[in-house]
Amino acid sequence: MVSETDLKHLQRCIELAEIAVENGDEPFGSVLVSAGGEVLAEDRNRVSGGDPTQHPEFALARWAVQNMTAQERVEATVYTSGEHCPMCSAAHGLVGLGRIVYASSSEQLSSWLSEMGVAPLGIQTLSIQEIIPGAEVDGPVSELAEQVRALHRQFHARNL
């Protein structure tokens, strides 16, 4: 179940995804929130520098390990504009982060890219639950997914 608070954090993720596009990166943004509702860290996609592992979810997982206890990580929530890729899901699970809430799914992204004539990602798209069995996950959020889709269209229109 996605709450008004969840929607507020997801909207920030979309703002970060917009910033990513403005900087020549793919439209992904993520926010890490404590159990008490404090925004602890946020990041955006940074793959345009040549390192394809510079995903915001991966960066937040690394930040969490360096700055949070194991219990704090379990109780935290990661919000993201797009469902974690397998690499980011694995990082999330390995560091023991809690709930994940995303605006758009990997399945939606694959469909959008296909519609735009963009080549497949080069890796198998898997759901978060396929990588982290038992993960608490909410998404996609239909009222926000169209905003994410528009950002992908904008990014790929510039880069095709």
N, C-alpha and C. Protein backbone atom coordinates (compact mmCIF):
# COMPACT_ATOMS: atom_id res chain seq x y z
N MET A 1 0.84 -1.18 0.00
CA MET A 1 0.00 0.00 0.00
C MET A 1 0.88 1.25 0.00
N VAL A 2 0.65 2.15 -0.92
CA VAL A 2 1.43 3.36 -1.05
C VAL A 2 0.68 4.52 -0.40
N SER A 3 1.36 5.20 0.53
CA SER A 3 0.75 6.29 1.30
C SER A 3 1.06 7.65 0.66
N GLU A 4 0.47 8.70 1.21
CA GLU A 4 0.77 10.06 0.77
C GLU A 4 2.25 10.37 1.00
N THR A 5 2.80 9.90 2.11
CA THR A 5 4.23 10.11 2.39
C THR A 5 5.07 9.42 1.33
N ASP A 6 4.68 8.20 0.97
CA ASP A 6 5.39 7.48 -0.09
C ASP A 6 5.37 8.28 -1.39
N LEU A 7 4.20 8.81 -1.73
CA LEU A 7 4.06 9.58 -2.97
C LEU A 7 4.97 10.81 -2.96
N LYS A 8 5.09 11.46 -1.80
CA LYS A 8 5.96 12.63 -1.68
C LYS A 8 7.41 12.25 -1.97
N HIS A 9 7.87 11.13 -1.41
CA HIS A 9 9.25 10.70 -1.65
C HIS A 9 9.45 10.23 -3.09
N LEU A 10 8.45 9.58 -3.65
CA LEU A 10 8.55 9.17 -5.06
C LEU A 10 8.61 10.38 -5.98
N GLN A 11 7.88 11.42 -5.64
CA GLN A 11 7.92 12.64 -6.46
C GLN A 11 9.33 13.23 -6.44
N ARG A 12 9.99 13.17 -5.28
CA ARG A 12 11.38 13.64 -5.22
C ARG A 12 12.27 12.77 -6.10
N CYS A 13 12.03 11.48 -6.14
CA CYS A 13 12.80 10.58 -7.01
C CYS A 13 12.65 11.00 -8.47
N ILE A 14 11.45 11.37 -8.85
CA ILE A 14 11.22 11.81 -10.23
C ILE A 14 11.93 13.13 -10.48
N GLU A 15 11.96 14.03 -9.51
CA GLU A 15 12.73 15.27 -9.65
C GLU A 15 14.21 14.97 -9.85
N LEU A 16 14.74 13.99 -9.10
CA LEU A 16 16.14 13.60 -9.26
C LEU A 16 16.36 12.98 -10.64
N ALA A 17 15.40 12.22 -11.12
CA ALA A 17 15.49 11.63 -12.47
C ALA A 17 15.51 12.73 -13.52
N GLU A 18 14.74 13.80 -13.32
CA GLU A 18 14.77 14.95 -14.23
C GLU A 18 16.15 15.59 -14.24
N ILE A 19 16.74 15.73 -13.07
CA ILE A 19 18.09 16.30 -12.96
C ILE A 19 19.08 15.41 -13.70
N ALA A 20 18.90 14.10 -13.57
CA ALA A 20 19.78 13.17 -14.29
C ALA A 20 19.70 13.42 -15.79
N VAL A 21 18.49 13.52 -16.32
CA VAL A 21 18.32 13.76 -17.76
C VAL A 21 18.97 15.08 -18.16
N GLU A 22 18.77 16.11 -17.36
CA GLU A 22 19.38 17.42 -17.65
C GLU A 22 20.90 17.34 -17.72
N ASN A 23 21.48 16.35 -17.02
CA ASN A 23 22.93 16.17 -17.00
C ASN A 23 23.41 15.07 -17.94
N GLY A 24 22.52 14.62 -18.83
CA GLY A 24 22.89 13.62 -19.82
C GLY A 24 22.85 12.19 -19.34
N ASP A 25 22.23 11.97 -18.20
CA ASP A 25 22.14 10.61 -17.65
C ASP A 25 20.74 10.04 -17.83
N GLU A 26 20.65 8.75 -17.73
CA GLU A 26 19.36 8.07 -17.80
C GLU A 26 18.48 8.52 -16.62
N PRO A 27 17.17 8.55 -16.81
CA PRO A 27 16.27 9.12 -15.80
C PRO A 27 15.94 8.20 -14.62
N PHE A 28 16.85 8.18 -13.69
CA PHE A 28 16.62 7.43 -12.45
C PHE A 28 17.06 8.28 -11.27
N GLY A 29 16.25 8.26 -10.22
CA GLY A 29 16.56 8.95 -8.99
C GLY A 29 16.05 8.15 -7.81
N SER A 30 16.75 8.23 -6.68
CA SER A 30 16.40 7.43 -5.51
C SER A 30 16.63 8.22 -4.23
N VAL A 31 15.84 7.87 -3.20
CA VAL A 31 15.91 8.52 -1.90
C VAL A 31 15.89 7.43 -0.82
N LEU A 32 16.75 7.58 0.18
CA LEU A 32 16.80 6.68 1.33
C LEU A 32 16.22 7.40 2.53
N VAL A 33 15.21 6.78 3.16
CA VAL A 33 14.48 7.40 4.26
C VAL A 33 14.53 6.49 5.48
N SER A 34 14.81 7.10 6.63
CA SER A 34 14.88 6.35 7.90
C SER A 34 13.49 5.91 8.35
N ALA A 35 13.46 5.03 9.33
CA ALA A 35 12.19 4.58 9.91
C ALA A 35 11.40 5.74 10.48
N GLY A 36 12.09 6.77 10.93
CA GLY A 36 11.44 7.96 11.48
C GLY A 36 11.00 8.98 10.44
N GLY A 37 11.24 8.69 9.18
CA GLY A 37 10.81 9.57 8.11
C GLY A 37 11.83 10.60 7.66
N GLU A 38 13.05 10.53 8.18
CA GLU A 38 14.10 11.48 7.79
C GLU A 38 14.77 11.05 6.49
N VAL A 39 14.88 11.98 5.55
CA VAL A 39 15.61 11.70 4.32
C VAL A 39 17.10 11.67 4.68
N LEU A 40 17.71 10.52 4.49
CA LEU A 40 19.11 10.32 4.87
C LEU A 40 20.07 10.59 3.72
N ALA A 41 19.67 10.19 2.53
CA ALA A 41 20.54 10.35 1.36
C ALA A 41 19.68 10.27 0.11
N GLU A 42 20.18 10.87 -0.95
CA GLU A 42 19.51 10.78 -2.23
C GLU A 42 20.56 10.84 -3.32
N ASP A 43 20.22 10.31 -4.48
CA ASP A 43 21.16 10.33 -5.59
C ASP A 43 20.38 10.17 -6.89
N ARG A 44 21.09 10.39 -7.98
CA ARG A 44 20.54 10.22 -9.32
C ARG A 44 21.49 9.38 -10.14
N ASN A 45 21.01 8.92 -11.27
CA ASN A 45 21.84 8.15 -12.17
C ASN A 45 23.01 8.99 -12.64
N ARG A 46 24.19 8.34 -12.75
CA ARG A 46 25.41 9.05 -13.17
C ARG A 46 26.23 8.21 -14.15
N VAL A 47 25.57 7.44 -15.00
CA VAL A 47 26.28 6.54 -15.90
C VAL A 47 26.93 7.23 -17.10
N SER A 48 26.58 8.47 -17.36
CA SER A 48 27.14 9.14 -18.55
C SER A 48 28.65 9.33 -18.45
N GLY A 49 29.21 9.22 -17.25
CA GLY A 49 30.65 9.33 -17.07
C GLY A 49 31.41 8.09 -17.53
N GLY A 50 30.68 7.05 -17.98
CA GLY A 50 31.32 5.86 -18.51
C GLY A 50 31.27 4.64 -17.61
N ASP A 51 30.83 4.81 -16.35
CA ASP A 51 30.73 3.68 -15.43
C ASP A 51 29.27 3.26 -15.34
N PRO A 52 28.92 2.13 -15.95
CA PRO A 52 27.52 1.70 -15.98
C PRO A 52 26.98 1.23 -14.63
N THR A 53 27.82 1.20 -13.60
CA THR A 53 27.33 0.79 -12.28
C THR A 53 26.92 1.99 -11.42
N GLN A 54 26.98 3.19 -11.96
CA GLN A 54 26.67 4.40 -11.19
C GLN A 54 25.16 4.66 -11.12
N HIS A 55 24.45 3.66 -10.59
CA HIS A 55 23.01 3.77 -10.38
C HIS A 55 22.75 4.34 -8.99
N PRO A 56 21.70 5.12 -8.81
CA PRO A 56 21.44 5.72 -7.51
C PRO A 56 21.13 4.70 -6.41
N GLU A 57 20.46 3.62 -6.77
CA GLU A 57 20.12 2.61 -5.76
C GLU A 57 21.39 1.94 -5.22
N PHE A 58 22.35 1.73 -6.11
CA PHE A 58 23.62 1.13 -5.72
C PHE A 58 24.40 2.09 -4.82
N ALA A 59 24.39 3.38 -5.19
CA ALA A 59 25.06 4.39 -4.37
C ALA A 59 24.44 4.47 -2.98
N LEU A 60 23.12 4.39 -2.89
CA LEU A 60 22.46 4.45 -1.58
C LEU A 60 22.77 3.21 -0.74
N ALA A 61 22.89 2.07 -1.38
CA ALA A 61 23.26 0.85 -0.64
C ALA A 61 24.66 1.03 -0.04
N ARG A 62 25.60 1.56 -0.80
CA ARG A 62 26.95 1.80 -0.29
C ARG A 62 26.92 2.82 0.83
N TRP A 63 26.15 3.89 0.67
CA TRP A 63 26.04 4.92 1.69
C TRP A 63 25.48 4.32 2.98
N ALA A 64 24.47 3.50 2.85
CA ALA A 64 23.82 2.90 4.01
C ALA A 64 24.80 2.04 4.82
N VAL A 65 25.62 1.27 4.15
CA VAL A 65 26.60 0.43 4.86
C VAL A 65 27.59 1.28 5.64
N GLN A 66 27.97 2.40 5.09
CA GLN A 66 28.97 3.26 5.73
C GLN A 66 28.40 4.14 6.83
N ASN A 67 27.08 4.35 6.84
CA ASN A 67 26.50 5.34 7.73
C ASN A 67 25.37 4.85 8.64
N MET A 68 24.95 3.62 8.49
CA MET A 68 23.81 3.12 9.26
C MET A 68 24.15 1.78 9.91
N THR A 69 23.50 1.51 11.03
CA THR A 69 23.63 0.19 11.64
C THR A 69 22.79 -0.80 10.85
N ALA A 70 23.02 -2.08 11.08
CA ALA A 70 22.23 -3.11 10.40
C ALA A 70 20.75 -2.94 10.71
N GLN A 71 20.41 -2.64 11.95
CA GLN A 71 19.00 -2.46 12.33
C GLN A 71 18.39 -1.24 11.63
N GLU A 72 19.14 -0.16 11.56
CA GLU A 72 18.64 1.04 10.88
C GLU A 72 18.39 0.76 9.40
N ARG A 73 19.25 -0.04 8.79
CA ARG A 73 19.08 -0.39 7.37
C ARG A 73 17.80 -1.19 7.16
N VAL A 74 17.55 -2.16 8.01
CA VAL A 74 16.36 -3.00 7.90
C VAL A 74 15.08 -2.17 8.00
N GLU A 75 15.12 -1.15 8.84
CA GLU A 75 13.94 -0.32 9.09
C GLU A 75 13.77 0.82 8.07
N ALA A 76 14.75 1.03 7.22
CA ALA A 76 14.72 2.12 6.25
C ALA A 76 13.89 1.74 5.02
N THR A 77 13.55 2.76 4.24
CA THR A 77 12.85 2.56 2.97
C THR A 77 13.64 3.23 1.87
N VAL A 78 13.77 2.53 0.75
CA VAL A 78 14.38 3.10 -0.45
C VAL A 78 13.25 3.40 -1.43
N TYR A 79 13.19 4.63 -1.85
CA TYR A 79 12.24 5.07 -2.87
C TYR A 79 13.02 5.27 -4.15
N THR A 80 12.41 4.90 -5.28
CA THR A 80 13.12 5.05 -6.54
C THR A 80 12.15 5.25 -7.69
N SER A 81 12.60 5.98 -8.69
CA SER A 81 11.74 6.27 -9.84
C SER A 81 11.47 5.02 -10.66
N GLY A 82 12.42 4.10 -10.70
CA GLY A 82 12.27 2.86 -11.46
C GLY A 82 12.69 1.67 -10.64
N GLU A 83 12.02 0.56 -10.83
CA GLU A 83 12.35 -0.67 -10.10
C GLU A 83 13.83 -0.98 -10.24
N HIS A 84 14.43 -1.46 -9.18
CA HIS A 84 15.86 -1.81 -9.17
C HIS A 84 16.18 -2.80 -10.30
N CYS A 85 17.33 -2.60 -10.91
CA CYS A 85 17.88 -3.60 -11.83
C CYS A 85 18.43 -4.75 -10.97
N PRO A 86 18.82 -5.88 -11.58
CA PRO A 86 19.37 -6.98 -10.79
C PRO A 86 20.59 -6.59 -9.94
N MET A 87 21.49 -5.75 -10.48
CA MET A 87 22.67 -5.32 -9.72
C MET A 87 22.26 -4.56 -8.46
N CYS A 88 21.33 -3.63 -8.62
CA CYS A 88 20.90 -2.81 -7.48
C CYS A 88 20.07 -3.62 -6.49
N SER A 89 19.26 -4.54 -7.00
CA SER A 89 18.51 -5.43 -6.10
C SER A 89 19.46 -6.25 -5.25
N ALA A 90 20.50 -6.79 -5.88
CA ALA A 90 21.47 -7.59 -5.13
C ALA A 90 22.17 -6.74 -4.07
N ALA A 91 22.57 -5.53 -4.42
CA ALA A 91 23.22 -4.64 -3.45
C ALA A 91 22.28 -4.35 -2.29
N HIS A 92 21.03 -4.05 -2.60
CA HIS A 92 20.02 -3.77 -1.59
C HIS A 92 19.89 -4.95 -0.62
N GLY A 93 19.76 -6.14 -1.19
CA GLY A 93 19.63 -7.34 -0.35
C GLY A 93 20.88 -7.64 0.45
N LEU A 94 22.05 -7.48 -0.16
CA LEU A 94 23.30 -7.80 0.53
C LEU A 94 23.56 -6.89 1.72
N VAL A 95 23.17 -5.61 1.63
CA VAL A 95 23.41 -4.70 2.75
C VAL A 95 22.25 -4.67 3.73
N GLY A 96 21.18 -5.39 3.42
CA GLY A 96 20.08 -5.54 4.36
C GLY A 96 19.16 -4.34 4.49
N LEU A 97 18.95 -3.62 3.37
CA LEU A 97 18.00 -2.51 3.40
C LEU A 97 16.57 -3.06 3.45
N GLY A 98 15.66 -2.26 3.96
CA GLY A 98 14.27 -2.67 4.13
C GLY A 98 13.42 -2.47 2.89
N ARG A 99 12.28 -1.91 3.09
CA ARG A 99 11.24 -1.76 2.07
C ARG A 99 11.74 -0.96 0.86
N ILE A 100 11.20 -1.33 -0.31
CA ILE A 100 11.47 -0.65 -1.57
C ILE A 100 10.14 -0.19 -2.15
N VAL A 101 10.08 1.08 -2.56
CA VAL A 101 8.89 1.61 -3.21
C VAL A 101 9.35 2.23 -4.53
N TYR A 102 8.73 1.83 -5.64
CA TYR A 102 9.14 2.38 -6.93
C TYR A 102 7.94 2.87 -7.73
N ALA A 103 8.21 3.89 -8.57
CA ALA A 103 7.16 4.51 -9.38
C ALA A 103 6.85 3.69 -10.62
N SER A 104 7.86 3.15 -11.29
CA SER A 104 7.66 2.38 -12.51
C SER A 104 8.45 1.07 -12.43
N SER A 105 7.93 0.06 -13.11
CA SER A 105 8.53 -1.27 -13.03
C SER A 105 9.53 -1.53 -14.15
N SER A 106 10.35 -2.53 -13.95
CA SER A 106 11.29 -2.97 -14.99
C SER A 106 10.53 -3.46 -16.22
N GLU A 107 9.41 -4.10 -15.99
CA GLU A 107 8.57 -4.58 -17.10
C GLU A 107 8.06 -3.39 -17.93
N GLN A 108 7.60 -2.34 -17.24
CA GLN A 108 7.16 -1.15 -17.96
C GLN A 108 8.32 -0.55 -18.75
N LEU A 109 9.48 -0.43 -18.14
CA LEU A 109 10.64 0.14 -18.81
C LEU A 109 10.99 -0.66 -20.07
N SER A 110 11.00 -1.96 -19.97
CA SER A 110 11.31 -2.80 -21.14
C SER A 110 10.32 -2.54 -22.27
N SER A 111 9.06 -2.42 -21.92
CA SER A 111 8.02 -2.16 -22.91
C SER A 111 8.22 -0.78 -23.54
N TRP A 112 8.48 0.24 -22.71
CA TRP A 112 8.68 1.60 -23.24
C TRP A 112 9.87 1.65 -24.18
N LEU A 113 10.97 1.02 -23.79
CA LEU A 113 12.17 1.03 -24.63
C LEU A 113 11.89 0.35 -25.96
N SER A 114 11.17 -0.75 -25.93
CA SER A 114 10.81 -1.45 -27.15
C SER A 114 9.96 -0.56 -28.05
N GLU A 115 8.97 0.12 -27.46
CA GLU A 115 8.12 1.04 -28.23
C GLU A 115 8.92 2.15 -28.89
N MET A 116 9.98 2.60 -28.24
CA MET A 116 10.82 3.68 -28.76
C MET A 116 11.90 3.18 -29.72
N GLY A 117 12.00 1.86 -29.88
CA GLY A 117 13.02 1.30 -30.75
C GLY A 117 14.41 1.30 -30.14
N VAL A 118 14.47 1.36 -28.81
CA VAL A 118 15.76 1.34 -28.11
C VAL A 118 16.18 -0.11 -27.89
N ALA A 119 17.43 -0.41 -28.16
CA ALA A 119 17.95 -1.77 -28.00
C ALA A 119 17.76 -2.24 -26.55
N PRO A 120 17.55 -3.54 -26.37
CA PRO A 120 17.42 -4.08 -25.01
C PRO A 120 18.63 -3.73 -24.16
N LEU A 121 18.43 -3.78 -22.84
CA LEU A 121 19.44 -3.34 -21.89
C LEU A 121 20.72 -4.17 -21.88
N GLY A 122 20.70 -5.37 -22.39
CA GLY A 122 21.90 -6.20 -22.39
C GLY A 122 22.00 -7.11 -21.19
N ILE A 123 21.06 -6.98 -20.26
CA ILE A 123 20.97 -7.90 -19.11
C ILE A 123 19.53 -8.33 -18.96
N GLN A 124 19.33 -9.44 -18.32
CA GLN A 124 17.99 -9.93 -18.05
C GLN A 124 17.30 -9.02 -17.05
N THR A 125 16.10 -8.58 -17.37
CA THR A 125 15.34 -7.80 -16.39
C THR A 125 14.58 -8.77 -15.50
N LEU A 126 14.81 -8.64 -14.22
CA LEU A 126 14.17 -9.49 -13.23
C LEU A 126 13.51 -8.60 -12.19
N SER A 127 12.44 -9.09 -11.61
CA SER A 127 11.80 -8.31 -10.54
C SER A 127 12.69 -8.34 -9.30
N ILE A 128 12.48 -7.37 -8.43
CA ILE A 128 13.23 -7.33 -7.18
C ILE A 128 13.05 -8.61 -6.40
N GLN A 129 11.81 -9.12 -6.36
CA GLN A 129 11.52 -10.33 -5.58
C GLN A 129 12.25 -11.56 -6.12
N GLU A 130 12.59 -11.55 -7.40
CA GLU A 130 13.37 -12.67 -7.95
C GLU A 130 14.80 -12.64 -7.44
N ILE A 131 15.30 -11.48 -7.09
CA ILE A 131 16.66 -11.33 -6.58
C ILE A 131 16.68 -11.39 -5.05
N ILE A 132 15.68 -10.77 -4.43
CA ILE A 132 15.58 -10.73 -2.95
C ILE A 132 14.25 -11.37 -2.55
N PRO A 133 14.20 -12.69 -2.45
CA PRO A 133 12.94 -13.34 -2.05
C PRO A 133 12.48 -12.80 -0.69
N GLY A 134 11.20 -12.50 -0.60
CA GLY A 134 10.64 -12.01 0.65
C GLY A 134 10.79 -10.51 0.86
N ALA A 135 11.35 -9.81 -0.10
CA ALA A 135 11.52 -8.35 0.05
C ALA A 135 10.15 -7.68 0.12
N GLU A 136 10.07 -6.64 0.94
CA GLU A 136 8.85 -5.84 1.02
C GLU A 136 8.94 -4.77 -0.07
N VAL A 137 8.07 -4.90 -1.06
CA VAL A 137 8.13 -4.05 -2.25
C VAL A 137 6.74 -3.52 -2.58
N ASP A 138 6.68 -2.24 -2.91
CA ASP A 138 5.45 -1.63 -3.40
C ASP A 138 5.75 -0.90 -4.69
N GLY A 139 4.95 -1.13 -5.69
CA GLY A 139 5.09 -0.48 -6.98
C GLY A 139 4.66 -1.43 -8.07
N PRO A 140 4.45 -0.94 -9.25
CA PRO A 140 4.55 0.44 -9.66
C PRO A 140 3.37 1.28 -9.17
N VAL A 141 3.52 2.58 -9.30
CA VAL A 141 2.48 3.53 -8.90
C VAL A 141 1.98 4.20 -10.18
N SER A 142 0.80 3.79 -10.60
CA SER A 142 0.29 4.19 -11.92
C SER A 142 0.24 5.70 -12.12
N GLU A 143 -0.11 6.46 -11.09
CA GLU A 143 -0.21 7.91 -11.27
C GLU A 143 1.14 8.59 -11.46
N LEU A 144 2.24 7.90 -11.20
CA LEU A 144 3.57 8.47 -11.39
C LEU A 144 4.32 7.83 -12.56
N ALA A 145 3.93 6.64 -12.95
CA ALA A 145 4.66 5.92 -14.00
C ALA A 145 4.70 6.70 -15.31
N GLU A 146 3.62 7.41 -15.62
CA GLU A 146 3.60 8.17 -16.88
C GLU A 146 4.63 9.30 -16.87
N GLN A 147 4.89 9.88 -15.71
CA GLN A 147 5.94 10.91 -15.61
C GLN A 147 7.31 10.30 -15.90
N VAL A 148 7.53 9.11 -15.38
CA VAL A 148 8.80 8.42 -15.62
C VAL A 148 8.93 8.06 -17.09
N ARG A 149 7.84 7.60 -17.69
CA ARG A 149 7.85 7.27 -19.11
C ARG A 149 8.24 8.49 -19.94
N ALA A 150 7.67 9.65 -19.62
CA ALA A 150 7.99 10.88 -20.35
C ALA A 150 9.47 11.22 -20.24
N LEU A 151 10.06 11.00 -19.09
CA LEU A 151 11.49 11.25 -18.92
C LEU A 151 12.34 10.32 -19.78
N HIS A 152 11.93 9.06 -19.88
CA HIS A 152 12.65 8.12 -20.75
C HIS A 152 12.53 8.55 -22.20
N ARG A 153 11.35 8.99 -22.60
CA ARG A 153 11.18 9.48 -23.97
C ARG A 153 12.10 10.67 -24.22
N GLN A 154 12.15 11.60 -23.27
CA GLN A 154 12.99 12.78 -23.40
C GLN A 154 14.46 12.38 -23.51
N PHE A 155 14.91 11.49 -22.64
CA PHE A 155 16.31 11.07 -22.66
C PHE A 155 16.65 10.38 -23.98
N HIS A 156 15.83 9.44 -24.40
CA HIS A 156 16.14 8.68 -25.60
C HIS A 156 15.96 9.48 -26.88
N ALA A 157 15.08 10.48 -26.88
CA ALA A 157 14.95 11.35 -28.05
C ALA A 157 16.26 12.11 -28.29
N ARG A 158 16.94 12.45 -27.20
CA ARG A 158 18.23 13.16 -27.30
C ARG A 158 19.37 12.25 -27.70
N ASN A 159 19.23 10.96 -27.40
CA ASN A 159 20.36 10.03 -27.51
C ASN A 159 20.21 8.95 -28.56
N LEU A 160 19.21 9.06 -29.41
CA LEU A 160 19.06 8.05 -30.48
C LEU A 160 19.81 8.45 -31.72
